Amino acid sequence: MGRRTNYGFEKRQREIKKQKKKEAKAERKRLKKEEEEAGTLAEGEYDYDDGPEEEQEEEEEEEELE
């Protein structure tokens, strides 16, 4: 006779894994919020305020000086 599957154990393991994943997600979200409040960006994120508009303003200033 083979061994019986311990469904209770498997369920607890799934729940533990799910809880760890949820905690990791909450931690990432908390860190992201802190960085946004501090004005810094996480690695791989972009600050859209420093985009083409800023370059265009610099070009306009140069043209005015000429």
C-alpha atoms as a PDB file:
ATOM      1  CA  MET A   1       0.000   0.000   0.000  1.00  0.00           C
ATOM      2  CA  GLY A   2       1.197   3.493  -0.833  1.00  0.00           C
ATOM      3  CA  ARG A   3       1.321   6.487   1.388  1.00  0.00           C
ATOM      4  CA  ARG A   4      -1.697   8.689   1.801  1.00  0.00           C
ATOM      5  CA  THR A   5      -1.473  12.304   0.735  1.00  0.00           C
ATOM      6  CA  ASN A   6      -1.435  14.727   3.621  1.00  0.00           C
ATOM      7  CA  TYR A   7      -3.754  17.386   2.228  1.00  0.00           C
ATOM      8  CA  GLY A   8      -3.730  19.411   5.449  1.00  0.00           C
ATOM      9  CA  PHE A   9       0.053  19.765   5.296  1.00  0.00           C
ATOM     10  CA  GLU A  10      -0.024  20.758   1.616  1.00  0.00           C
ATOM     11  CA  LYS A  11      -2.713  23.353   2.325  1.00  0.00           C
ATOM     12  CA  ARG A  12      -0.697  24.871   5.181  1.00  0.00           C
ATOM     13  CA  GLN A  13       2.373  25.052   2.943  1.00  0.00           C
ATOM     14  CA  ARG A  14       0.376  26.855   0.228  1.00  0.00           C
ATOM     15  CA  GLU A  15      -1.013  29.284   2.805  1.00  0.00           C
ATOM     16  CA  ILE A  16       2.472  30.009   4.187  1.00  0.00           C
ATOM     17  CA  LYS A  17       3.818  30.613   0.686  1.00  0.00           C
ATOM     18  CA  LYS A  18       0.876  32.884  -0.133  1.00  0.00           C
ATOM     19  CA  GLN A  19       1.355  34.858   3.101  1.00  0.00           C
ATOM     20  CA  LYS A  20       5.090  35.353   2.422  1.00  0.00           C
ATOM     21  CA  LYS A  21       4.331  36.566  -1.086  1.00  0.00           C
ATOM     22  CA  LYS A  22       1.712  38.981   0.267  1.00  0.00           C
ATOM     23  CA  GLU A  23       4.149  40.328   2.878  1.00  0.00           C
ATOM     24  CA  ALA A  24       6.879  40.808   0.256  1.00  0.00           C
ATOM     25  CA  LYS A  25       4.469  42.724  -1.972  1.00  0.00           C
ATOM     26  CA  ALA A  26       3.403  44.942   0.935  1.00  0.00           C
ATOM     27  CA  GLU A  27       7.064  45.624   1.749  1.00  0.00           C
ATOM     28  CA  ARG A  28       7.838  46.596  -1.866  1.00  0.00           C
ATOM     29  CA  LYS A  29       4.807  48.875  -1.892  1.00  0.00           C
ATOM     30  CA  ARG A  30       5.839  50.467   1.413  1.00  0.00           C
ATOM     31  CA  LEU A  31       9.395  51.080   0.162  1.00  0.00           C
ATOM     32  CA  LYS A  32       8.120  52.584  -3.077  1.00  0.00           C
ATOM     33  CA  LYS A  33       5.836  54.933  -1.150  1.00  0.00           C
ATOM     34  CA  GLU A  34       8.700  56.007   1.128  1.00  0.00           C
ATOM     35  CA  GLU A  35      10.941  56.689  -1.872  1.00  0.00           C
ATOM     36  CA  GLU A  36       8.257  58.747  -3.576  1.00  0.00           C
ATOM     37  CA  GLU A  37       7.755  60.780  -0.416  1.00  0.00           C
ATOM     38  CA  ALA A  38      11.509  61.325  -0.102  1.00  0.00           C
ATOM     39  CA  GLY A  39      11.747  62.361  -3.748  1.00  0.00           C
ATOM     40  CA  THR A  40      14.040  59.552  -4.787  1.00  0.00           C
ATOM     41  CA  LEU A  41      13.330  56.916  -7.371  1.00  0.00           C
ATOM     42  CA  ALA A  42      13.705  53.195  -7.124  1.00  0.00           C
ATOM     43  CA  GLU A  43      16.028  51.465  -9.533  1.00  0.00           C
ATOM     44  CA  GLY A  44      14.409  51.061 -12.931  1.00  0.00           C
ATOM     45  CA  GLU A  45      11.894  53.859 -12.423  1.00  0.00           C
ATOM     46  CA  TYR A  46      11.858  57.047 -14.427  1.00  0.00           C
ATOM     47  CA  ASP A  47      11.161  60.600 -13.405  1.00  0.00           C
ATOM     48  CA  TYR A  48       8.871  61.836 -16.128  1.00  0.00           C
ATOM     49  CA  ASP A  49       9.333  65.453 -15.024  1.00  0.00           C
ATOM     50  CA  ASP A  50      12.899  65.403 -16.377  1.00  0.00           C
ATOM     51  CA  GLY A  51      11.814  64.551 -19.890  1.00  0.00           C
ATOM     52  CA  PRO A  52      11.749  66.290 -23.260  1.00  0.00           C
ATOM     53  CA  GLU A  53      10.023  69.388 -21.886  1.00  0.00           C
ATOM     54  CA  GLU A  54      13.097  70.291 -19.883  1.00  0.00           C
ATOM     55  CA  GLU A  55      15.321  69.845 -22.949  1.00  0.00           C
ATOM     56  CA  GLN A  56      12.970  72.021 -24.986  1.00  0.00           C
ATOM     57  CA  GLU A  57      13.116  74.765 -22.361  1.00  0.00           C
ATOM     58  CA  GLU A  58      16.932  74.685 -22.441  1.00  0.00           C
ATOM     59  CA  GLU A  59      16.919  75.003 -26.230  1.00  0.00           C
ATOM     60  CA  GLU A  60      14.527  77.960 -26.039  1.00  0.00           C
ATOM     61  CA  GLU A  61      16.781  79.685 -23.506  1.00  0.00           C
ATOM     62  CA  GLU A  62      19.803  79.180 -25.782  1.00  0.00           C
ATOM     63  CA  GLU A  63      17.909  80.662 -28.740  1.00  0.00           C
ATOM     64  CA  GLU A  64      16.943  83.712 -26.668  1.00  0.00           C
ATOM     65  CA  LEU A  65      20.586  84.321 -25.749  1.00  0.00           C
ATOM     66  CA  GLU A  66      21.682  84.303 -29.405  1.00  0.00           C
END
